[in-house]
PDB file of N, CA and C in Angstrom:
ATOM      1  N   UNK A   1      46.916-266.722 -12.436  1.00  0.00           N
ATOM      2  CA  UNK A   1      47.272-265.333 -12.660  1.00  0.00           C
ATOM      3  C   UNK A   1      47.527-264.619 -11.318  1.00  0.00           C
ATOM      4  N   UNK A   2      46.648-264.910 -10.344  1.00  0.00           N
ATOM      5  CA  UNK A   2      46.818-264.346  -9.020  1.00  0.00           C
ATOM      6  C   UNK A   2      48.152-264.774  -8.417  1.00  0.00           C
ATOM      7  N   UNK A   3      48.510-266.026  -8.620  1.00  0.00           N
ATOM      8  CA  UNK A   3      49.764-266.575  -8.083  1.00  0.00           C
ATOM      9  C   UNK A   3      50.941-265.867  -8.733  1.00  0.00           C
ATOM     10  N   UNK A   4      50.881-265.648 -10.021  1.00  0.00           N
ATOM     11  CA  UNK A   4      51.924-264.938 -10.739  1.00  0.00           C
ATOM     12  C   UNK A   4      52.079-263.516 -10.208  1.00  0.00           C
ATOM     13  N   UNK A   5      50.955-262.882  -9.968  1.00  0.00           N
ATOM     14  CA  UNK A   5      50.937-261.497  -9.461  1.00  0.00           C
ATOM     15  C   UNK A   5      51.620-261.450  -8.085  1.00  0.00           C
ATOM     16  N   UNK A   6      51.299-262.392  -7.215  1.00  0.00           N
ATOM     17  CA  UNK A   6      51.854-262.429  -5.864  1.00  0.00           C
ATOM     18  C   UNK A   6      53.365-262.705  -5.924  1.00  0.00           C
ATOM     19  N   UNK A   7      53.735-263.566  -6.845  1.00  0.00           N
ATOM     20  CA  UNK A   7      55.172-263.862  -7.030  1.00  0.00           C
ATOM     21  C   UNK A   7      55.923-262.617  -7.468  1.00  0.00           C
ATOM     22  N   UNK A   8      55.349-261.914  -8.401  1.00  0.00           N
ATOM     23  CA  UNK A   8      55.975-260.657  -8.887  1.00  0.00           C
ATOM     24  C   UNK A   8      56.011-259.599  -7.778  1.00  0.00           C
ATOM     25  N   UNK A   9      54.998-259.544  -6.954  1.00  0.00           N
ATOM     26  CA  UNK A   9      55.000-258.594  -5.824  1.00  0.00           C
ATOM     27  C   UNK A   9      56.120-258.943  -4.829  1.00  0.00           C
ATOM     28  N   UNK A  10      56.284-260.226  -4.548  1.00  0.00           N
ATOM     29  CA  UNK A  10      57.355-260.636  -3.632  1.00  0.00           C
ATOM     30  C   UNK A  10      58.725-260.302  -4.234  1.00  0.00           C
ATOM     31  N   UNK A  11      58.853-260.533  -5.535  1.00  0.00           N
ATOM     32  CA  UNK A  11      60.117-260.196  -6.200  1.00  0.00           C
ATOM     33  C   UNK A  11      60.369-258.697  -6.170  1.00  0.00           C
ATOM     34  N   UNK A  12      59.323-257.919  -6.409  1.00  0.00           N
ATOM     35  CA  UNK A  12      59.449-256.468  -6.365  1.00  0.00           C
ATOM     36  C   UNK A  12      59.854-256.014  -4.987  1.00  0.00           C
ATOM     37  N   UNK A  13      59.247-256.579  -3.947  1.00  0.00           N
ATOM     38  CA  UNK A  13      59.570-256.225  -2.569  1.00  0.00           C
ATOM     39  C   UNK A  13      61.015-256.574  -2.247  1.00  0.00           C
ATOM     40  N   UNK A  14      61.440-257.728  -2.733  1.00  0.00           N
ATOM     41  CA  UNK A  14      62.827-258.156  -2.503  1.00  0.00           C
ATOM     42  C   UNK A  14      63.807-257.192  -3.198  1.00  0.00           C
ATOM     43  N   UNK A  15      63.489-256.782  -4.437  1.00  0.00           N
ATOM     44  CA  UNK A  15      64.302-255.845  -5.174  1.00  0.00           C
ATOM     45  C   UNK A  15      64.345-254.471  -4.473  1.00  0.00           C
ATOM     46  N   UNK A  16      63.216-254.033  -3.988  1.00  0.00           N
ATOM     47  CA  UNK A  16      63.160-252.759  -3.258  1.00  0.00           C
ATOM     48  C   UNK A  16      64.024-252.825  -2.000  1.00  0.00           C
ATOM     49  N   UNK A  17      63.978-253.916  -1.303  1.00  0.00           N
ATOM     50  CA  UNK A  17      64.828-254.115  -0.114  1.00  0.00           C
ATOM     51  C   UNK A  17      66.311-254.092  -0.475  1.00  0.00           C
ATOM     52  N   UNK A  18      66.626-254.751  -1.582  1.00  0.00           N
ATOM     53  CA  UNK A  18      68.025-254.765  -2.046  1.00  0.00           C
ATOM     54  C   UNK A  18      68.489-253.359  -2.393  1.00  0.00           C
ATOM     55  N   UNK A  19      67.644-252.625  -3.053  1.00  0.00           N
ATOM     56  CA  UNK A  19      67.981-251.248  -3.402  1.00  0.00           C
ATOM     57  C   UNK A  19      68.199-250.428  -2.144  1.00  0.00           C
ATOM     58  N   UNK A  20      67.333-250.565  -1.178  1.00  0.00           N
ATOM     59  CA  UNK A  20      67.464-249.819   0.101  1.00  0.00           C
ATOM     60  C   UNK A  20      68.757-250.219   0.819  1.00  0.00           C
ATOM     61  N   UNK A  21      69.078-251.513   0.798  1.00  0.00           N
ATOM     62  CA  UNK A  21      70.321-251.975   1.430  1.00  0.00           C
ATOM     63  C   UNK A  21      71.542-251.371   0.748  1.00  0.00           C
ATOM     64  N   UNK A  22      71.478-251.211  -0.550  1.00  0.00           N
ATOM     65  CA  UNK A  22      72.610-250.662  -1.312  1.00  0.00           C
ATOM     66  C   UNK A  22      72.707-249.159  -1.269  1.00  0.00           C
ATOM     67  N   UNK A  23      71.697-248.492  -0.834  1.00  0.00           N
ATOM     68  CA  UNK A  23      71.736-247.030  -0.758  1.00  0.00           C
ATOM     69  C   UNK A  23      72.809-246.546   0.227  1.00  0.00           C
ATOM     70  N   UNK A  24      73.072-247.327   1.267  1.00  0.00           N
ATOM     71  CA  UNK A  24      74.101-246.917   2.228  1.00  0.00           C
ATOM     72  C   UNK A  24      75.476-246.855   1.542  1.00  0.00           C
ATOM     73  N   UNK A  25      75.688-247.766   0.586  1.00  0.00           N
ATOM     74  CA  UNK A  25      76.953-247.732  -0.153  1.00  0.00           C
ATOM     75  C   UNK A  25      77.010-246.516  -1.085  1.00  0.00           C
ATOM     76  N   UNK A  26      75.870-246.209  -1.675  1.00  0.00           N
ATOM     77  CA  UNK A  26      75.811-245.035  -2.546  1.00  0.00           C
ATOM     78  C   UNK A  26      76.058-243.774  -1.740  1.00  0.00           C
ATOM     79  N   UNK A  27      75.479-243.679  -0.557  1.00  0.00           N
ATOM     80  CA  UNK A  27      75.723-242.504   0.312  1.00  0.00           C
ATOM     81  C   UNK A  27      77.197-242.424   0.708  1.00  0.00           C
ATOM     82  N   UNK A  28      77.787-243.548   1.029  1.00  0.00           N
ATOM     83  CA  UNK A  28      79.193-243.563   1.431  1.00  0.00           C
ATOM     84  C   UNK A  28      80.077-243.092   0.284  1.00  0.00           C
ATOM     85  N   UNK A  29      79.860-243.607  -0.908  1.00  0.00           N
ATOM     86  CA  UNK A  29      80.657-243.207  -2.068  1.00  0.00           C
ATOM     87  C   UNK A  29      80.451-241.720  -2.364  1.00  0.00           C
ATOM     88  N   UNK A  30      79.221-241.250  -2.183  1.00  0.00           N
ATOM     89  CA  UNK A  30      78.968-239.828  -2.411  1.00  0.00           C
ATOM     90  C   UNK A  30      79.735-238.984  -1.398  1.00  0.00           C
ATOM     91  N   UNK A  31      79.820-239.444  -0.171  1.00  0.00           N
ATOM     92  CA  UNK A  31      80.620-238.726   0.846  1.00  0.00           C
ATOM     93  C   UNK A  31      82.075-238.722   0.455  1.00  0.00           C
ATOM     94  N   UNK A  32      82.572-239.826  -0.087  1.00  0.00           N
ATOM     95  CA  UNK A  32      83.950-239.896  -0.543  1.00  0.00           C
ATOM     96  C   UNK A  32      84.173-238.895  -1.670  1.00  0.00           C
ATOM     97  N   UNK A  33      83.265-238.860  -2.629  1.00  0.00           N
ATOM     98  CA  UNK A  33      83.367-237.934  -3.751  1.00  0.00           C
ATOM     99  C   UNK A  33      83.371-236.495  -3.239  1.00  0.00           C
ATOM    100  N   UNK A  34      82.564-236.219  -2.232  1.00  0.00           N
ATOM    101  CA  UNK A  34      82.444-234.847  -1.699  1.00  0.00           C
ATOM    102  C   UNK A  34      83.761-234.362  -1.044  1.00  0.00           C
ATOM    103  N   UNK A  35      84.514-235.289  -0.483  1.00  0.00           N
ATOM    104  CA  UNK A  35      85.737-234.857   0.219  1.00  0.00           C
ATOM    105  C   UNK A  35      86.997-235.018  -0.612  1.00  0.00           C
ATOM    106  N   UNK A  36      86.870-235.516  -1.828  1.00  0.00           N
ATOM    107  CA  UNK A  36      88.058-235.674  -2.678  1.00  0.00           C
ATOM    108  C   UNK A  36      88.688-234.331  -3.004  1.00  0.00           C
ATOM    109  N   UNK A  37      90.020-234.282  -2.991  1.00  0.00           N
ATOM    110  CA  UNK A  37      90.672-233.048  -3.388  1.00  0.00           C
ATOM    111  C   UNK A  37      90.445-232.775  -4.880  1.00  0.00           C
ATOM    112  N   UNK A  38      90.509-231.523  -5.226  1.00  0.00           N
ATOM    113  CA  UNK A  38      90.308-231.162  -6.633  1.00  0.00           C
ATOM    114  C   UNK A  38      91.369-231.827  -7.501  1.00  0.00           C
ATOM    115  N   UNK A  39      90.956-232.339  -8.644  1.00  0.00           N
ATOM    116  CA  UNK A  39      91.865-232.931  -9.576  1.00  0.00           C
ATOM    117  C   UNK A  39      92.295-234.344  -9.231  1.00  0.00           C
ATOM    118  N   UNK A  40      91.743-234.937  -8.150  1.00  0.00           N
ATOM    119  CA  UNK A  40      92.109-236.298  -7.802  1.00  0.00           C
ATOM    120  C   UNK A  40      91.692-237.283  -8.871  1.00  0.00           C
ATOM    121  N   UNK A  41      90.496-237.053  -9.357  1.00  0.00           N
ATOM    122  CA  UNK A  41      90.008-237.894 -10.457  1.00  0.00           C
ATOM    123  C   UNK A  41      89.823-236.995 -11.664  1.00  0.00           C
ATOM    124  N   UNK A  42      89.996-237.595 -12.836  1.00  0.00           N
ATOM    125  CA  UNK A  42      89.700-236.825 -14.034  1.00  0.00           C
ATOM    126  C   UNK A  42      88.216-236.497 -14.043  1.00  0.00           C
ATOM    127  N   UNK A  43      87.919-235.335 -14.517  1.00  0.00           N
ATOM    128  CA  UNK A  43      86.498-234.946 -14.582  1.00  0.00           C
ATOM    129  C   UNK A  43      85.759-235.915 -15.485  1.00  0.00           C
ATOM    130  N   UNK A  44      84.662-236.408 -14.960  1.00  0.00           N
ATOM    131  CA  UNK A  44      83.851-237.304 -15.748  1.00  0.00           C
ATOM    132  C   UNK A  44      82.384-237.021 -15.455  1.00  0.00           C
ATOM    133  N   UNK A  45      81.539-237.625 -16.226  1.00  0.00           N
ATOM    134  CA  UNK A  45      80.109-237.400 -16.009  1.00  0.00           C
ATOM    135  C   UNK A  45      79.651-237.957 -14.679  1.00  0.00           C
ATOM    136  N   UNK A  46      80.242-239.050 -14.244  1.00  0.00           N
ATOM    137  CA  UNK A  46      79.833-239.668 -13.009  1.00  0.00           C
ATOM    138  C   UNK A  46      81.040-239.880 -12.106  1.00  0.00           C
ATOM    139  N   UNK A  47      81.180-239.022 -11.139  1.00  0.00           N
ATOM    140  CA  UNK A  47      82.333-239.096 -10.218  1.00  0.00           C
ATOM    141  C   UNK A  47      82.291-240.371  -9.372  1.00  0.00           C
ATOM    142  N   UNK A  48      81.094-240.872  -9.071  1.00  0.00           N
ATOM    143  CA  UNK A  48      80.970-242.086  -8.295  1.00  0.00           C
ATOM    144  C   UNK A  48      81.607-243.261  -9.054  1.00  0.00           C
ATOM    145  N   UNK A  49      81.343-243.332 -10.337  1.00  0.00           N
ATOM    146  CA  UNK A  49      81.946-244.399 -11.149  1.00  0.00           C
ATOM    147  C   UNK A  49      83.467-244.225 -11.184  1.00  0.00           C
ATOM    148  N   UNK A  50      83.924-242.980 -11.164  1.00  0.00           N
ATOM    149  CA  UNK A  50      85.352-242.715 -11.142  1.00  0.00           C
ATOM    150  C   UNK A  50      85.994-243.219  -9.856  1.00  0.00           C
ATOM    151  N   UNK A  51      85.298-242.995  -8.750  1.00  0.00           N
ATOM    152  CA  UNK A  51      85.812-243.480  -7.443  1.00  0.00           C
ATOM    153  C   UNK A  51      85.858-245.004  -7.439  1.00  0.00           C
ATOM    154  N   UNK A  52      84.799-245.628  -7.930  1.00  0.00           N
ATOM    155  CA  UNK A  52      84.752-247.077  -7.976  1.00  0.00           C
ATOM    156  C   UNK A  52      85.853-247.633  -8.888  1.00  0.00           C
ATOM    157  N   UNK A  53      86.032-246.971 -10.024  1.00  0.00           N
ATOM    158  CA  UNK A  53      87.079-247.385 -10.945  1.00  0.00           C
ATOM    159  C   UNK A  53      88.444-247.244 -10.311  1.00  0.00           C
ATOM    160  N   UNK A  54      88.681-246.150  -9.598  1.00  0.00           N
ATOM    161  CA  UNK A  54      89.958-245.933  -8.897  1.00  0.00           C
ATOM    162  C   UNK A  54      90.174-247.012  -7.852  1.00  0.00           C
ATOM    163  N   UNK A  55      89.123-247.346  -7.108  1.00  0.00           N
ATOM    164  CA  UNK A  55      89.208-248.400  -6.108  1.00  0.00           C
ATOM    165  C   UNK A  55      89.618-249.706  -6.756  1.00  0.00           C
ATOM    166  N   UNK A  56      88.947-250.059  -7.866  1.00  0.00           N
ATOM    167  CA  UNK A  56      89.263-251.315  -8.548  1.00  0.00           C
ATOM    168  C   UNK A  56      90.698-251.323  -9.036  1.00  0.00           C
ATOM    169  N   UNK A  57      91.165-250.203  -9.541  1.00  0.00           N
ATOM    170  CA  UNK A  57      92.555-250.112 -10.001  1.00  0.00           C
ATOM    171  C   UNK A  57      93.522-250.324  -8.831  1.00  0.00           C
ATOM    172  N   UNK A  58      93.254-249.685  -7.714  1.00  0.00           N
ATOM    173  CA  UNK A  58      94.106-249.806  -6.539  1.00  0.00           C
ATOM    174  C   UNK A  58      94.069-251.238  -5.971  1.00  0.00           C
ATOM    175  N   UNK A  59      92.890-251.834  -6.026  1.00  0.00           N
ATOM    176  CA  UNK A  59      92.769-253.216  -5.530  1.00  0.00           C
ATOM    177  C   UNK A  59      93.585-254.174  -6.400  1.00  0.00           C
ATOM    178  N   UNK A  60      93.522-253.985  -7.715  1.00  0.00           N
ATOM    179  CA  UNK A  60      94.323-254.831  -8.619  1.00  0.00           C
ATOM    180  C   UNK A  60      95.807-254.591  -8.409  1.00  0.00           C
ATOM    181  N   UNK A  61      96.204-253.356  -8.218  1.00  0.00           N
ATOM    182  CA  UNK A  61      97.634-253.048  -7.956  1.00  0.00           C
ATOM    183  C   UNK A  61      98.074-253.699  -6.656  1.00  0.00           C
ATOM    184  N   UNK A  62      97.227-253.622  -5.637  1.00  0.00           N
ATOM    185  CA  UNK A  62      97.564-254.236  -4.354  1.00  0.00           C
ATOM    186  C   UNK A  62      97.738-255.742  -4.498  1.00  0.00           C
ATOM    187  N   UNK A  63      96.825-256.396  -5.209  1.00  0.00           N
ATOM    188  CA  UNK A  63      96.927-257.828  -5.409  1.00  0.00           C
ATOM    189  C   UNK A  63      98.212-258.176  -6.151  1.00  0.00           C
ATOM    190  N   UNK A  64      98.553-257.405  -7.149  1.00  0.00           N
ATOM    191  CA  UNK A  64      99.767-257.623  -7.920  1.00  0.00           C
ATOM    192  C   UNK A  64     100.991-257.459  -7.042  1.00  0.00           C
ATOM    193  N   UNK A  65     101.000-256.418  -6.223  1.00  0.00           N
ATOM    194  CA  UNK A  65     102.144-256.173  -5.327  1.00  0.00           C
ATOM    195  C   UNK A  65     102.284-257.266  -4.281  1.00  0.00           C
ATOM    196  N   UNK A  66     101.144-257.741  -3.761  1.00  0.00           N
ATOM    197  CA  UNK A  66     101.209-258.821  -2.782  1.00  0.00           C
ATOM    198  C   UNK A  66     101.773-260.095  -3.409  1.00  0.00           C
ATOM    199  N   UNK A  67     101.374-260.388  -4.629  1.00  0.00           N
ATOM    200  CA  UNK A  67     101.894-261.558  -5.325  1.00  0.00           C
ATOM    201  C   UNK A  67     103.399-261.414  -5.536  1.00  0.00           C
ATOM    202  N   UNK A  68     103.821-260.239  -5.968  1.00  0.00           N
ATOM    203  CA  UNK A  68     105.242-259.987  -6.178  1.00  0.00           C
ATOM    204  C   UNK A  68     106.017-260.114  -4.847  1.00  0.00           C
ATOM    205  N   UNK A  69     105.444-259.593  -3.790  1.00  0.00           N
ATOM    206  CA  UNK A  69     106.063-259.693  -2.475  1.00  0.00           C
ATOM    207  C   UNK A  69     106.236-261.147  -2.051  1.00  0.00           C
ATOM    208  N   UNK A  70     105.221-261.963  -2.289  1.00  0.00           N
ATOM    209  CA  UNK A  70     105.305-263.371  -1.936  1.00  0.00           C
ATOM    210  C   UNK A  70     106.394-264.064  -2.766  1.00  0.00           C
ATOM    211  N   UNK A  71     106.496-263.732  -4.031  1.00  0.00           N
ATOM    212  CA  UNK A  71     107.530-264.304  -4.867  1.00  0.00           C
ATOM    213  C   UNK A  71     108.925-263.892  -4.371  1.00  0.00           C
ATOM    214  N   UNK A  72     109.075-262.632  -4.019  1.00  0.00           N
ATOM    215  CA  UNK A  72     110.364-262.132  -3.502  1.00  0.00           C
ATOM    216  C   UNK A  72     110.694-262.816  -2.190  1.00  0.00           C
ATOM    217  N   UNK A  73     109.689-262.995  -1.350  1.00  0.00           N
ATOM    218  CA  UNK A  73     109.903-263.665  -0.070  1.00  0.00           C
ATOM    219  C   UNK A  73     110.360-265.101  -0.271  1.00  0.00           C
ATOM    220  N   UNK A  74     109.746-265.796  -1.231  1.00  0.00           N
ATOM    221  CA  UNK A  74     110.191-267.167  -1.541  1.00  0.00           C
ATOM    222  C   UNK A  74     111.641-267.147  -2.038  1.00  0.00           C
ATOM    223  N   UNK A  75     111.950-266.176  -2.880  1.00  0.00           N
ATOM    224  CA  UNK A  75     113.292-266.055  -3.442  1.00  0.00           C
ATOM    225  C   UNK A  75     114.303-265.796  -2.310  1.00  0.00           C
ATOM    226  N   UNK A  76     113.935-264.941  -1.380  1.00  0.00           N
ATOM    227  CA  UNK A  76     114.830-264.646  -0.241  1.00  0.00           C
ATOM    228  C   UNK A  76     115.033-265.904   0.617  1.00  0.00           C
ATOM    229  N   UNK A  77     113.933-266.627   0.866  1.00  0.00           N
ATOM    230  CA  UNK A  77     114.057-267.865   1.653  1.00  0.00           C
ATOM    231  C   UNK A  77     115.015-268.844   0.978  1.00  0.00           C
ATOM    232  N   UNK A  78     114.876-268.979  -0.336  1.00  0.00           N
ATOM    233  CA  UNK A  78     115.763-269.884  -1.094  1.00  0.00           C
ATOM    234  C   UNK A  78     117.205-269.440  -1.008  1.00  0.00           C
ATOM    235  N   UNK A  79     117.428-268.142  -1.175  1.00  0.00           N
ATOM    236  CA  UNK A  79     118.788-267.609  -1.107  1.00  0.00           C
ATOM    237  C   UNK A  79     119.387-267.801   0.288  1.00  0.00           C
ATOM    238  N   UNK A  80     118.603-267.620   1.339  1.00  0.00           N
ATOM    239  CA  UNK A  80     119.085-267.823   2.684  1.00  0.00           C
ATOM    240  C   UNK A  80     119.435-269.300   2.915  1.00  0.00           C
ATOM    241  N   UNK A  81     118.614-270.185   2.357  1.00  0.00           N
ATOM    242  CA  UNK A  81     118.888-271.615   2.499  1.00  0.00           C
ATOM    243  C   UNK A  81     120.192-271.950   1.771  1.00  0.00           C
ATOM    244  N   UNK A  82     120.346-271.418   0.554  1.00  0.00           N
ATOM    245  CA  UNK A  82     121.587-271.652  -0.203  1.00  0.00           C
ATOM    246  C   UNK A  82     122.801-271.129   0.536  1.00  0.00           C
ATOM    247  N   UNK A  83     122.673-269.950   1.143  1.00  0.00           N
ATOM    248  CA  UNK A  83     123.765-269.346   1.893  1.00  0.00           C
ATOM    249  C   UNK A  83     124.128-270.218   3.114  1.00  0.00           C
ATOM    250  N   UNK A  84     123.098-270.728   3.809  1.00  0.00           N
ATOM    251  CA  UNK A  84     123.387-271.577   4.974  1.00  0.00           C
ATOM    252  C   UNK A  84     124.120-272.858   4.549  1.00  0.00           C
ATOM    253  N   UNK A  85     123.690-273.437   3.418  1.00  0.00           N
ATOM    254  CA  UNK A  85     124.371-274.623   2.917  1.00  0.00           C
ATOM    255  C   UNK A  85     125.821-274.307   2.535  1.00  0.00           C
ATOM    256  N   UNK A  86     126.037-273.191   1.877  1.00  0.00           N
ATOM    257  CA  UNK A  86     127.381-272.785   1.458  1.00  0.00           C
ATOM    258  C   UNK A  86     128.262-272.542   2.695  1.00  0.00           C
ATOM    259  N   UNK A  87     127.729-271.845   3.701  1.00  0.00           N
ATOM    260  CA  UNK A  87     128.479-271.610   4.933  1.00  0.00           C
ATOM    261  C   UNK A  87     128.869-272.934   5.586  1.00  0.00           C
ATOM    262  N   UNK A  88     127.943-273.899   5.659  1.00  0.00           N
ATOM    263  CA  UNK A  88     128.260-275.172   6.263  1.00  0.00           C
ATOM    264  C   UNK A  88     129.338-275.886   5.453  1.00  0.00           C
ATOM    265  N   UNK A  89     129.203-275.863   4.145  1.00  0.00           N
ATOM    266  CA  UNK A  89     130.190-276.508   3.277  1.00  0.00           C
ATOM    267  C   UNK A  89     131.571-275.906   3.468  1.00  0.00           C
ATOM    268  N   UNK A  90     131.646-274.584   3.485  1.00  0.00           N
ATOM    269  CA  UNK A  90     132.943-273.897   3.630  1.00  0.00           C
ATOM    270  C   UNK A  90     133.489-274.089   5.042  1.00  0.00           C
ATOM    271  N   UNK A  91     132.635-274.120   6.040  1.00  0.00           N
ATOM    272  CA  UNK A  91     133.101-274.386   7.402  1.00  0.00           C
ATOM    273  C   UNK A  91     133.696-275.778   7.501  1.00  0.00           C
ATOM    274  N   UNK A  92     133.041-276.754   6.889  1.00  0.00           N
ATOM    275  CA  UNK A  92     133.566-278.128   6.868  1.00  0.00           C
ATOM    276  C   UNK A  92     134.898-278.181   6.123  1.00  0.00           C
ATOM    277  N   UNK A  93     134.988-277.417   5.033  1.00  0.00           N
ATOM    278  CA  UNK A  93     136.232-277.362   4.271  1.00  0.00           C
ATOM    279  C   UNK A  93     137.374-276.780   5.110  1.00  0.00           C
ATOM    280  N   UNK A  94     137.076-275.697   5.824  1.00  0.00           N
ATOM    281  CA  UNK A  94     138.089-275.053   6.686  1.00  0.00           C
ATOM    282  C   UNK A  94     138.519-276.008   7.798  1.00  0.00           C
ATOM    283  N   UNK A  95     137.556-276.720   8.388  1.00  0.00           N
ATOM    284  CA  UNK A  95     137.894-277.703   9.429  1.00  0.00           C
ATOM    285  C   UNK A  95     138.783-278.797   8.868  1.00  0.00           C
ATOM    286  N   UNK A  96     138.510-279.196   7.657  1.00  0.00           N
ATOM    287  CA  UNK A  96     139.372-280.215   6.998  1.00  0.00           C
ATOM    288  C   UNK A  96     140.770-279.677   6.814  1.00  0.00           C
ATOM    289  N   UNK A  97     140.900-278.443   6.346  1.00  0.00           N
ATOM    290  CA  UNK A  97     142.228-277.831   6.174  1.00  0.00           C
ATOM    291  C   UNK A  97     142.923-277.700   7.513  1.00  0.00           C
ATOM    292  N   UNK A  98     142.206-277.277   8.555  1.00  0.00           N
ATOM    293  CA  UNK A  98     142.804-277.146   9.893  1.00  0.00           C
ATOM    294  C   UNK A  98     143.317-278.499  10.394  1.00  0.00           C
ATOM    295  N   UNK A  99     142.541-279.537  10.122  1.00  0.00           N
ATOM    296  CA  UNK A  99     142.959-280.884  10.529  1.00  0.00           C
ATOM    297  C   UNK A  99     144.232-281.291   9.798  1.00  0.00           C
ATOM    298  N   UNK A 100     144.282-280.981   8.499  1.00  0.00           N
ATOM    299  CA  UNK A 100     145.492-281.299   7.692  1.00  0.00           C
ATOM    300  C   UNK A 100     146.672-280.510   8.216  1.00  0.00           C
ATOM    301  N   UNK A 101     146.460-279.228   8.507  1.00  0.00           N
ATOM    302  CA  UNK A 101     147.547-278.393   9.011  1.00  0.00           C
ATOM    303  C   UNK A 101     148.051-278.917  10.357  1.00  0.00           C
ATOM    304  N   UNK A 102     147.093-279.313  11.222  1.00  0.00           N
ATOM    305  CA  UNK A 102     147.500-279.846  12.534  1.00  0.00           C
ATOM    306  C   UNK A 102     148.306-281.123  12.374  1.00  0.00           C
ATOM    307  N   UNK A 103     147.885-281.983  11.442  1.00  0.00           N
ATOM    308  CA  UNK A 103     148.610-283.236  11.208  1.00  0.00           C
ATOM    309  C   UNK A 103     150.016-282.921  10.671  1.00  0.00           C
ATOM    310  N   UNK A 104     150.118-281.992   9.774  1.00  0.00           N
ATOM    311  CA  UNK A 104     151.426-281.644   9.208  1.00  0.00           C
ATOM    312  C   UNK A 104     152.317-280.979  10.289  1.00  0.00           C
ATOM    313  N   UNK A 105     151.677-280.174  11.112  1.00  0.00           N
ATOM    314  CA  UNK A 105     152.413-279.508  12.172  1.00  0.00           C
ATOM    315  C   UNK A 105     152.975-280.554  13.160  1.00  0.00           C
ATOM    316  N   UNK A 106     152.156-281.524  13.494  1.00  0.00           N
ATOM    317  CA  UNK A 106     152.588-282.603  14.393  1.00  0.00           C
ATOM    318  C   UNK A 106     153.734-283.400  13.745  1.00  0.00           C
ATOM    319  N   UNK A 107     153.585-283.687  12.481  1.00  0.00           N
ATOM    320  CA  UNK A 107     154.629-284.422  11.734  1.00  0.00           C
ATOM    321  C   UNK A 107     155.912-283.630  11.701  1.00  0.00           C
ATOM    322  N   UNK A 108     155.812-282.314  11.533  1.00  0.00           N
ATOM    323  CA  UNK A 108     156.981-281.455  11.467  1.00  0.00           C
ATOM    324  C   UNK A 108     157.708-281.430  12.805  1.00  0.00           C
ATOM    325  N   UNK A 109     156.961-281.448  13.925  1.00  0.00           N
ATOM    326  CA  UNK A 109     157.552-281.394  15.235  1.00  0.00           C
ATOM    327  C   UNK A 109     158.313-282.694  15.568  1.00  0.00           C
ATOM    328  N   UNK A 110     157.934-283.781  14.957  1.00  0.00           N
ATOM    329  CA  UNK A 110     158.603-285.070  15.231  1.00  0.00           C
ATOM    330  C   UNK A 110     159.899-285.070  14.533  1.00  0.00           C
TER     331      UNK A 110
END
C-alpha cells in the first residue's frame, strides 16, 4: 500500500510539473487573445480554443498549399524538360534542312 501511495505521489508530482510547463503556453495564447483585433474570431465561450482552432486551420491550409506548390513545381520541371527536348529536336530539324538547302545550292551552282 505504501509503495502504491509513493507511486501515486510521483505520478502526481510529474503531472503537476507538466501542468506548470504548459502554463507558459496558456499565458502566451492568452496574450495573443488579448491583442487580437475585434471581430478576428467569432465570439465564443473560449477565445483560447478559437485561437488554437484558427492556428490548426491555418496550419492545414499551409500544408495543403505547400503540397500544391510542390506539385506545380514538378509540373513546371516536366514542362521545361519537354520544352528543352522540343527545342533540340527542332534545332536538329532546322540543321537538317540547312544541310539539304546547302547541298541543293551547291548542286545548282554546278
